[in-house]
Amino acid sequence: MYRRLPVFAYIILALIAIGILSRFVSDPAGMIIPVAVFGIVFFLYKFPPSRWRRQQKPTPRYAKAKEKRKQVPFKVINGNKPDDDDMPKYH
């Protein structure tokens, strides 16, 4: 399902098109700079400079020999939390 633009959006787009065409007819050389700037911005938007650099191979994190660790069993630490069955201290 297509989403239609409001009527005033079509009016504004038509006025923009008329303005660009009249400017191009009256002074074609004056349109070179705005068109070039728009083209450069559009090109940089589509192909950002970060893509221009060559991709370097990522260094593997685990390339080095892993050091063997001593296996330590888990240790239970007794806490200070009271049991739920006990009566609260404030009674």
PDB file of N, CA and C in Angstrom:
ATOM      1  N   MET A   1       0.836  -1.165   0.000  1.00  0.00           N
ATOM      2  CA  MET A   1       0.000   0.000   0.000  1.00  0.00           C
ATOM      3  C   MET A   1       0.887   1.237   0.000  1.00  0.00           C
ATOM      4  N   TYR A   2       0.659   2.104  -0.929  1.00  0.00           N
ATOM      5  CA  TYR A   2       1.477   3.297  -1.067  1.00  0.00           C
ATOM      6  C   TYR A   2       0.998   4.374  -0.109  1.00  0.00           C
ATOM      7  N   ARG A   3       1.955   5.105   0.405  1.00  0.00           N
ATOM      8  CA  ARG A   3       1.634   6.194   1.303  1.00  0.00           C
ATOM      9  C   ARG A   3       1.696   7.482   0.500  1.00  0.00           C
ATOM     10  N   ARG A   4       0.611   8.194   0.453  1.00  0.00           N
ATOM     11  CA  ARG A   4       0.565   9.417  -0.336  1.00  0.00           C
ATOM     12  C   ARG A   4       1.043  10.596   0.485  1.00  0.00           C
ATOM     13  N   LEU A   5       1.710  11.508  -0.188  1.00  0.00           N
ATOM     14  CA  LEU A   5       2.146  12.734   0.464  1.00  0.00           C
ATOM     15  C   LEU A   5       0.985  13.708   0.517  1.00  0.00           C
ATOM     16  N   PRO A   6       1.002  14.600   1.492  1.00  0.00           N
ATOM     17  CA  PRO A   6      -0.033  15.628   1.528  1.00  0.00           C
ATOM     18  C   PRO A   6       0.077  16.558   0.314  1.00  0.00           C
ATOM     19  N   VAL A   7      -0.990  17.285   0.046  1.00  0.00           N
ATOM     20  CA  VAL A   7      -1.049  18.145  -1.136  1.00  0.00           C
ATOM     21  C   VAL A   7       0.023  19.229  -1.071  1.00  0.00           C
ATOM     22  N   PHE A   8       0.253  19.802   0.114  1.00  0.00           N
ATOM     23  CA  PHE A   8       1.242  20.890   0.207  1.00  0.00           C
ATOM     24  C   PHE A   8       2.654  20.374  -0.087  1.00  0.00           C
ATOM     25  N   ALA A   9       2.941  19.078   0.161  1.00  0.00           N
ATOM     26  CA  ALA A   9       4.254  18.527  -0.160  1.00  0.00           C
ATOM     27  C   ALA A   9       4.453  18.497  -1.677  1.00  0.00           C
ATOM     28  N   TYR A  10       3.391  18.144  -2.418  1.00  0.00           N
ATOM     29  CA  TYR A  10       3.487  18.162  -3.876  1.00  0.00           C
ATOM     30  C   TYR A  10       3.675  19.585  -4.396  1.00  0.00           C
ATOM     31  N   ILE A  11       3.018  20.529  -3.773  1.00  0.00           N
ATOM     32  CA  ILE A  11       3.162  21.933  -4.184  1.00  0.00           C
ATOM     33  C   ILE A  11       4.592  22.400  -3.959  1.00  0.00           C
ATOM     34  N   ILE A  12       5.157  22.079  -2.799  1.00  0.00           N
ATOM     35  CA  ILE A  12       6.534  22.505  -2.483  1.00  0.00           C
ATOM     36  C   ILE A  12       7.516  21.845  -3.454  1.00  0.00           C
ATOM     37  N   LEU A  13       7.331  20.539  -3.723  1.00  0.00           N
ATOM     38  CA  LEU A  13       8.229  19.859  -4.660  1.00  0.00           C
ATOM     39  C   LEU A  13       8.131  20.459  -6.060  1.00  0.00           C
ATOM     40  N   ALA A  14       6.932  20.843  -6.489  1.00  0.00           N
ATOM     41  CA  ALA A  14       6.760  21.464  -7.803  1.00  0.00           C
ATOM     42  C   ALA A  14       7.460  22.820  -7.842  1.00  0.00           C
ATOM     43  N   LEU A  15       7.340  23.601  -6.780  1.00  0.00           N
ATOM     44  CA  LEU A  15       8.012  24.908  -6.735  1.00  0.00           C
ATOM     45  C   LEU A  15       9.533  24.749  -6.741  1.00  0.00           C
ATOM     46  N   ILE A  16      10.036  23.740  -6.055  1.00  0.00           N
ATOM     47  CA  ILE A  16      11.484  23.492  -6.070  1.00  0.00           C
ATOM     48  C   ILE A  16      11.941  23.144  -7.480  1.00  0.00           C
ATOM     49  N   ALA A  17      11.187  22.278  -8.158  1.00  0.00           N
ATOM     50  CA  ALA A  17      11.546  21.888  -9.518  1.00  0.00           C
ATOM     51  C   ALA A  17      11.502  23.085 -10.463  1.00  0.00           C
ATOM     52  N   ILE A  18      10.481  23.935 -10.329  1.00  0.00           N
ATOM     53  CA  ILE A  18      10.382  25.128 -11.176  1.00  0.00           C
ATOM     54  C   ILE A  18      11.560  26.057 -10.918  1.00  0.00           C
ATOM     55  N   GLY A  19      11.932  26.234  -9.665  1.00  0.00           N
ATOM     56  CA  GLY A  19      13.060  27.097  -9.324  1.00  0.00           C
ATOM     57  C   GLY A  19      14.371  26.586  -9.888  1.00  0.00           C
ATOM     58  N   ILE A  20      14.594  25.287  -9.795  1.00  0.00           N
ATOM     59  CA  ILE A  20      15.832  24.710 -10.329  1.00  0.00           C
ATOM     60  C   ILE A  20      15.876  24.853 -11.851  1.00  0.00           C
ATOM     61  N   LEU A  21      14.750  24.574 -12.517  1.00  0.00           N
ATOM     62  CA  LEU A  21      14.719  24.690 -13.977  1.00  0.00           C
ATOM     63  C   LEU A  21      14.916  26.126 -14.440  1.00  0.00           C
ATOM     64  N   SER A  22      14.281  27.091 -13.757  1.00  0.00           N
ATOM     65  CA  SER A  22      14.437  28.488 -14.167  1.00  0.00           C
ATOM     66  C   SER A  22      15.866  28.970 -13.930  1.00  0.00           C
ATOM     67  N   ARG A  23      16.479  28.511 -12.859  1.00  0.00           N
ATOM     68  CA  ARG A  23      17.875  28.886 -12.582  1.00  0.00           C
ATOM     69  C   ARG A  23      18.797  28.287 -13.646  1.00  0.00           C
ATOM     70  N   PHE A  24      18.522  27.047 -14.038  1.00  0.00           N
ATOM     71  CA  PHE A  24      19.349  26.391 -15.037  1.00  0.00           C
ATOM     72  C   PHE A  24      19.209  27.059 -16.404  1.00  0.00           C
ATOM     73  N   VAL A  25      17.993  27.513 -16.739  1.00  0.00           N
ATOM     74  CA  VAL A  25      17.775  28.175 -18.029  1.00  0.00           C
ATOM     75  C   VAL A  25      18.439  29.546 -18.043  1.00  0.00           C
ATOM     76  N   SER A  26      18.332  30.298 -16.950  1.00  0.00           N
ATOM     77  CA  SER A  26      18.877  31.654 -16.931  1.00  0.00           C
ATOM     78  C   SER A  26      20.399  31.674 -16.794  1.00  0.00           C
ATOM     79  N   ASP A  27      20.982  30.769 -16.005  1.00  0.00           N
ATOM     80  CA  ASP A  27      22.433  30.790 -15.778  1.00  0.00           C
ATOM     81  C   ASP A  27      22.948  29.355 -15.606  1.00  0.00           C
ATOM     82  N   PRO A  28      23.200  28.657 -16.719  1.00  0.00           N
ATOM     83  CA  PRO A  28      23.652  27.268 -16.600  1.00  0.00           C
ATOM     84  C   PRO A  28      25.012  27.129 -15.912  1.00  0.00           C
ATOM     85  N   ALA A  29      25.903  28.103 -16.084  1.00  0.00           N
ATOM     86  CA  ALA A  29      27.226  28.013 -15.461  1.00  0.00           C
ATOM     87  C   ALA A  29      27.129  28.163 -13.948  1.00  0.00           C
ATOM     88  N   GLY A  30      26.129  28.879 -13.467  1.00  0.00           N
ATOM     89  CA  GLY A  30      25.958  29.063 -12.027  1.00  0.00           C
ATOM     90  C   GLY A  30      25.455  27.810 -11.327  1.00  0.00           C
ATOM     91  N   MET A  31      24.999  26.845 -12.087  1.00  0.00           N
ATOM     92  CA  MET A  31      24.503  25.610 -11.494  1.00  0.00           C
ATOM     93  C   MET A  31      25.601  24.567 -11.307  1.00  0.00           C
ATOM     94  N   ILE A  32      26.780  24.838 -11.851  1.00  0.00           N
ATOM     95  CA  ILE A  32      27.853  23.850 -11.772  1.00  0.00           C
ATOM     96  C   ILE A  32      28.280  23.620 -10.327  1.00  0.00           C
ATOM     97  N   ILE A  33      28.480  24.679  -9.571  1.00  0.00           N
ATOM     98  CA  ILE A  33      28.957  24.551  -8.189  1.00  0.00           C
ATOM     99  C   ILE A  33      27.927  23.843  -7.303  1.00  0.00           C
ATOM    100  N   PRO A  34      26.647  24.256  -7.295  1.00  0.00           N
ATOM    101  CA  PRO A  34      25.695  23.524  -6.453  1.00  0.00           C
ATOM    102  C   PRO A  34      25.534  22.057  -6.841  1.00  0.00           C
ATOM    103  N   VAL A  35      25.537  21.764  -8.137  1.00  0.00           N
ATOM    104  CA  VAL A  35      25.416  20.373  -8.573  1.00  0.00           C
ATOM    105  C   VAL A  35      26.656  19.584  -8.162  1.00  0.00           C
ATOM    106  N   ALA A  36      27.842  20.187  -8.272  1.00  0.00           N
ATOM    107  CA  ALA A  36      29.068  19.507  -7.881  1.00  0.00           C
ATOM    108  C   ALA A  36      29.087  19.239  -6.375  1.00  0.00           C
ATOM    109  N   VAL A  37      28.672  20.220  -5.583  1.00  0.00           N
ATOM    110  CA  VAL A  37      28.636  20.035  -4.125  1.00  0.00           C
ATOM    111  C   VAL A  37      27.642  18.935  -3.760  1.00  0.00           C
ATOM    112  N   PHE A  38      26.470  18.971  -4.368  1.00  0.00           N
ATOM    113  CA  PHE A  38      25.468  17.940  -4.102  1.00  0.00           C
ATOM    114  C   PHE A  38      25.992  16.565  -4.507  1.00  0.00           C
ATOM    115  N   GLY A  39      26.662  16.485  -5.634  1.00  0.00           N
ATOM    116  CA  GLY A  39      27.220  15.213  -6.090  1.00  0.00           C
ATOM    117  C   GLY A  39      28.280  14.681  -5.158  1.00  0.00           C
ATOM    118  N   ILE A  40      29.153  15.560  -4.675  1.00  0.00           N
ATOM    119  CA  ILE A  40      30.205  15.139  -3.754  1.00  0.00           C
ATOM    120  C   ILE A  40      29.613  14.649  -2.439  1.00  0.00           C
ATOM    121  N   VAL A  41      28.637  15.388  -1.926  1.00  0.00           N
ATOM    122  CA  VAL A  41      28.002  14.985  -0.664  1.00  0.00           C
ATOM    123  C   VAL A  41      27.303  13.641  -0.836  1.00  0.00           C
ATOM    124  N   PHE A  42      26.592  13.478  -1.951  1.00  0.00           N
ATOM    125  CA  PHE A  42      25.904  12.222  -2.205  1.00  0.00           C
ATOM    126  C   PHE A  42      26.896  11.067  -2.338  1.00  0.00           C
ATOM    127  N   PHE A  43      28.013  11.293  -3.036  1.00  0.00           N
ATOM    128  CA  PHE A  43      29.043  10.269  -3.197  1.00  0.00           C
ATOM    129  C   PHE A  43      29.645   9.881  -1.851  1.00  0.00           C
ATOM    130  N   LEU A  44      29.954  10.876  -1.011  1.00  0.00           N
ATOM    131  CA  LEU A  44      30.521  10.578   0.300  1.00  0.00           C
ATOM    132  C   LEU A  44      29.521   9.887   1.212  1.00  0.00           C
ATOM    133  N   TYR A  45      28.237  10.164   1.015  1.00  0.00           N
ATOM    134  CA  TYR A  45      27.209   9.495   1.807  1.00  0.00           C
ATOM    135  C   TYR A  45      27.109   8.020   1.410  1.00  0.00           C
ATOM    136  N   LYS A  46      27.140   7.746   0.120  1.00  0.00           N
ATOM    137  CA  LYS A  46      27.020   6.374  -0.350  1.00  0.00           C
ATOM    138  C   LYS A  46      28.299   5.576  -0.132  1.00  0.00           C
ATOM    139  N   PHE A  47      29.450   6.193  -0.298  1.00  0.00           N
ATOM    140  CA  PHE A  47      30.741   5.525  -0.154  1.00  0.00           C
ATOM    141  C   PHE A  47      31.597   6.307   0.834  1.00  0.00           C
ATOM    142  N   PRO A  48      31.408   6.091   2.137  1.00  0.00           N
ATOM    143  CA  PRO A  48      32.171   6.861   3.130  1.00  0.00           C
ATOM    144  C   PRO A  48      33.665   6.564   3.047  1.00  0.00           C
ATOM    145  N   PRO A  49      34.499   7.519   3.469  1.00  0.00           N
ATOM    146  CA  PRO A  49      35.950   7.347   3.363  1.00  0.00           C
ATOM    147  C   PRO A  49      36.481   6.152   4.142  1.00  0.00           C
ATOM    148  N   SER A  50      35.773   5.693   5.156  1.00  0.00           N
ATOM    149  CA  SER A  50      36.266   4.533   5.906  1.00  0.00           C
ATOM    150  C   SER A  50      36.289   3.285   5.037  1.00  0.00           C
ATOM    151  N   ARG A  51      35.502   3.232   3.975  1.00  0.00           N
ATOM    152  CA  ARG A  51      35.509   2.084   3.075  1.00  0.00           C
ATOM    153  C   ARG A  51      36.690   2.135   2.107  1.00  0.00           C
ATOM    154  N   TRP A  52      37.274   3.286   1.931  1.00  0.00           N
ATOM    155  CA  TRP A  52      38.348   3.441   0.958  1.00  0.00           C
ATOM    156  C   TRP A  52      39.621   2.732   1.406  1.00  0.00           C
ATOM    157  N   ARG A  53      39.835   2.687   2.708  1.00  0.00           N
ATOM    158  CA  ARG A  53      41.046   2.053   3.215  1.00  0.00           C
ATOM    159  C   ARG A  53      40.974   0.558   2.963  1.00  0.00           C
ATOM    160  N   ARG A  54      42.120  -0.008   2.761  1.00  0.00           N
ATOM    161  CA  ARG A  54      42.142  -1.448   2.556  1.00  0.00           C
ATOM    162  C   ARG A  54      41.875  -2.140   3.878  1.00  0.00           C
ATOM    163  N   GLN A  55      41.138  -3.189   3.779  1.00  0.00           N
ATOM    164  CA  GLN A  55      40.812  -3.939   4.982  1.00  0.00           C
ATOM    165  C   GLN A  55      42.028  -4.735   5.434  1.00  0.00           C
ATOM    166  N   GLN A  56      42.424  -4.516   6.670  1.00  0.00           N
ATOM    167  CA  GLN A  56      43.527  -5.273   7.222  1.00  0.00           C
ATOM    168  C   GLN A  56      42.963  -6.517   7.888  1.00  0.00           C
ATOM    169  N   LYS A  57      43.725  -7.580   7.820  1.00  0.00           N
ATOM    170  CA  LYS A  57      43.263  -8.797   8.454  1.00  0.00           C
ATOM    171  C   LYS A  57      43.280  -8.587   9.959  1.00  0.00           C
ATOM    172  N   PRO A  58      42.190  -8.901  10.620  1.00  0.00           N
ATOM    173  CA  PRO A  58      42.190  -8.735  12.069  1.00  0.00           C
ATOM    174  C   PRO A  58      43.137  -9.726  12.727  1.00  0.00           C
ATOM    175  N   THR A  59      43.855  -9.247  13.710  1.00  0.00           N
ATOM    176  CA  THR A  59      44.792 -10.122  14.402  1.00  0.00           C
ATOM    177  C   THR A  59      43.991 -11.077  15.280  1.00  0.00           C
ATOM    178  N   PRO A  60      44.264 -12.337  15.160  1.00  0.00           N
ATOM    179  CA  PRO A  60      43.516 -13.293  15.980  1.00  0.00           C
ATOM    180  C   PRO A  60      43.867 -13.120  17.453  1.00  0.00           C
ATOM    181  N   ARG A  61      42.857 -13.091  18.260  1.00  0.00           N
ATOM    182  CA  ARG A  61      43.074 -12.873  19.694  1.00  0.00           C
ATOM    183  C   ARG A  61      43.690 -14.095  20.357  1.00  0.00           C
ATOM    184  N   TYR A  62      43.341 -15.218  19.836  1.00  0.00           N
ATOM    185  CA  TYR A  62      43.774 -16.440  20.485  1.00  0.00           C
ATOM    186  C   TYR A  62      44.904 -17.119  19.713  1.00  0.00           C
ATOM    187  N   ALA A  63      45.671 -16.348  18.982  1.00  0.00           N
ATOM    188  CA  ALA A  63      46.752 -16.913  18.191  1.00  0.00           C
ATOM    189  C   ALA A  63      47.890 -17.398  19.087  1.00  0.00           C
ATOM    190  N   LYS A  64      48.098 -16.734  20.207  1.00  0.00           N
ATOM    191  CA  LYS A  64      49.166 -17.143  21.121  1.00  0.00           C
ATOM    192  C   LYS A  64      48.755 -18.446  21.811  1.00  0.00           C
ATOM    193  N   ALA A  65      49.763 -19.158  22.213  1.00  0.00           N
ATOM    194  CA  ALA A  65      49.481 -20.400  22.938  1.00  0.00           C
ATOM    195  C   ALA A  65      48.815 -20.053  24.258  1.00  0.00           C
ATOM    196  N   LYS A  66      47.732 -20.742  24.534  1.00  0.00           N
ATOM    197  CA  LYS A  66      47.022 -20.460  25.780  1.00  0.00           C
ATOM    198  C   LYS A  66      47.802 -21.023  26.960  1.00  0.00           C
ATOM    199  N   GLU A  67      47.832 -20.222  27.997  1.00  0.00           N
ATOM    200  CA  GLU A  67      48.497 -20.684  29.207  1.00  0.00           C
ATOM    201  C   GLU A  67      47.530 -21.590  29.950  1.00  0.00           C
ATOM    202  N   LYS A  68      48.044 -22.672  30.448  1.00  0.00           N
ATOM    203  CA  LYS A  68      47.197 -23.588  31.197  1.00  0.00           C
ATOM    204  C   LYS A  68      46.991 -23.019  32.590  1.00  0.00           C
ATOM    205  N   ARG A  69      45.722 -23.024  32.999  1.00  0.00           N
ATOM    206  CA  ARG A  69      45.392 -22.518  34.328  1.00  0.00           C
ATOM    207  C   ARG A  69      45.156 -23.682  35.276  1.00  0.00           C
ATOM    208  N   LYS A  70      45.410 -23.396  36.511  1.00  0.00           N
ATOM    209  CA  LYS A  70      45.163 -24.403  37.528  1.00  0.00           C
ATOM    210  C   LYS A  70      43.662 -24.453  37.783  1.00  0.00           C
ATOM    211  N   GLN A  71      43.083 -25.634  37.741  1.00  0.00           N
ATOM    212  CA  GLN A  71      41.660 -25.783  37.975  1.00  0.00           C
ATOM    213  C   GLN A  71      41.389 -25.669  39.468  1.00  0.00           C
ATOM    214  N   VAL A  72      40.636 -24.632  39.845  1.00  0.00           N
ATOM    215  CA  VAL A  72      40.318 -24.399  41.240  1.00  0.00           C
ATOM    216  C   VAL A  72      38.838 -24.716  41.424  1.00  0.00           C
ATOM    217  N   PRO A  73      38.499 -25.595  42.366  1.00  0.00           N
ATOM    218  CA  PRO A  73      37.073 -25.869  42.591  1.00  0.00           C
ATOM    219  C   PRO A  73      36.402 -24.664  43.229  1.00  0.00           C
ATOM    220  N   PHE A  74      35.094 -24.570  43.011  1.00  0.00           N
ATOM    221  CA  PHE A  74      34.354 -23.455  43.595  1.00  0.00           C
ATOM    222  C   PHE A  74      34.309 -23.597  45.104  1.00  0.00           C
ATOM    223  N   LYS A  75      34.372 -22.453  45.768  1.00  0.00           N
ATOM    224  CA  LYS A  75      34.354 -22.436  47.217  1.00  0.00           C
ATOM    225  C   LYS A  75      33.089 -21.739  47.680  1.00  0.00           C
ATOM    226  N   VAL A  76      32.349 -22.326  48.614  1.00  0.00           N
ATOM    227  CA  VAL A  76      31.122 -21.739  49.138  1.00  0.00           C
ATOM    228  C   VAL A  76      31.484 -20.850  50.307  1.00  0.00           C
ATOM    229  N   ILE A  77      31.014 -19.615  50.241  1.00  0.00           N
ATOM    230  CA  ILE A  77      31.271 -18.657  51.311  1.00  0.00           C
ATOM    231  C   ILE A  77      29.985 -18.515  52.104  1.00  0.00           C
ATOM    232  N   ASN A  78      30.054 -18.763  53.402  1.00  0.00           N
ATOM    233  CA  ASN A  78      28.872 -18.637  54.249  1.00  0.00           C
ATOM    234  C   ASN A  78      28.522 -17.170  54.424  1.00  0.00           C
ATOM    235  N   GLY A  79      27.263 -16.835  54.163  1.00  0.00           N
ATOM    236  CA  GLY A  79      26.837 -15.452  54.280  1.00  0.00           C
ATOM    237  C   GLY A  79      26.213 -15.162  55.628  1.00  0.00           C
ATOM    238  N   ASN A  80      25.803 -13.923  55.857  1.00  0.00           N
ATOM    239  CA  ASN A  80      25.211 -13.497  57.114  1.00  0.00           C
ATOM    240  C   ASN A  80      23.705 -13.320  57.007  1.00  0.00           C
ATOM    241  N   LYS A  81      23.105 -13.765  55.959  1.00  0.00           N
ATOM    242  CA  LYS A  81      21.677 -13.582  55.757  1.00  0.00           C
ATOM    243  C   LYS A  81      20.923 -14.519  56.699  1.00  0.00           C
ATOM    244  N   PRO A  82      19.931 -13.998  57.412  1.00  0.00           N
ATOM    245  CA  PRO A  82      19.193 -14.859  58.345  1.00  0.00           C
ATOM    246  C   PRO A  82      18.277 -15.816  57.580  1.00  0.00           C
ATOM    247  N   ASP A  83      17.947 -16.926  58.224  1.00  0.00           N
ATOM    248  CA  ASP A  83      17.043 -17.897  57.617  1.00  0.00           C
ATOM    249  C   ASP A  83      15.635 -17.318  57.539  1.00  0.00           C
ATOM    250  N   ASP A  84      14.830 -17.803  56.605  1.00  0.00           N
ATOM    251  CA  ASP A  84      13.467 -17.309  56.444  1.00  0.00           C
ATOM    252  C   ASP A  84      12.555 -17.818  57.560  1.00  0.00           C
ATOM    253  N   ASP A  85      12.889 -18.923  58.197  1.00  0.00           N
ATOM    254  CA  ASP A  85      12.034 -19.503  59.231  1.00  0.00           C
ATOM    255  C   ASP A  85      12.125 -18.738  60.543  1.00  0.00           C
ATOM    256  N   ASP A  86      13.208 -18.014  60.772  1.00  0.00           N
ATOM    257  CA  ASP A  86      13.392 -17.295  62.028  1.00  0.00           C
ATOM    258  C   ASP A  86      12.451 -16.100  62.100  1.00  0.00           C
ATOM    259  N   MET A  87      12.102 -15.716  63.304  1.00  0.00           N
ATOM    260  CA  MET A  87      11.275 -14.520  63.530  1.00  0.00           C
ATOM    261  C   MET A  87      12.128 -13.280  63.282  1.00  0.00           C
ATOM    262  N   PRO A  88      11.530 -12.211  62.730  1.00  0.00           N
ATOM    263  CA  PRO A  88      12.297 -10.990  62.527  1.00  0.00           C
ATOM    264  C   PRO A  88      12.826 -10.424  63.838  1.00  0.00           C
ATOM    265  N   LYS A  89      13.926  -9.703  63.790  1.00  0.00           N
ATOM    266  CA  LYS A  89      14.592  -9.184  64.976  1.00  0.00           C
ATOM    267  C   LYS A  89      13.804  -8.066  65.640  1.00  0.00           C
ATOM    268  N   TYR A  90      12.956  -7.374  64.909  1.00  0.00           N
ATOM    269  CA  TYR A  90      12.273  -6.225  65.472  1.00  0.00           C
ATOM    270  C   TYR A  90      11.021  -6.612  66.246  1.00  0.00           C
ATOM    271  N   HIS A  91      10.622  -7.888  66.346  1.00  0.00           N
ATOM    272  CA  HIS A  91       9.457  -8.291  67.142  1.00  0.00           C
ATOM    273  C   HIS A  91       9.861  -8.602  68.544  1.00  0.00           C
TER     274      HIS A  91
END
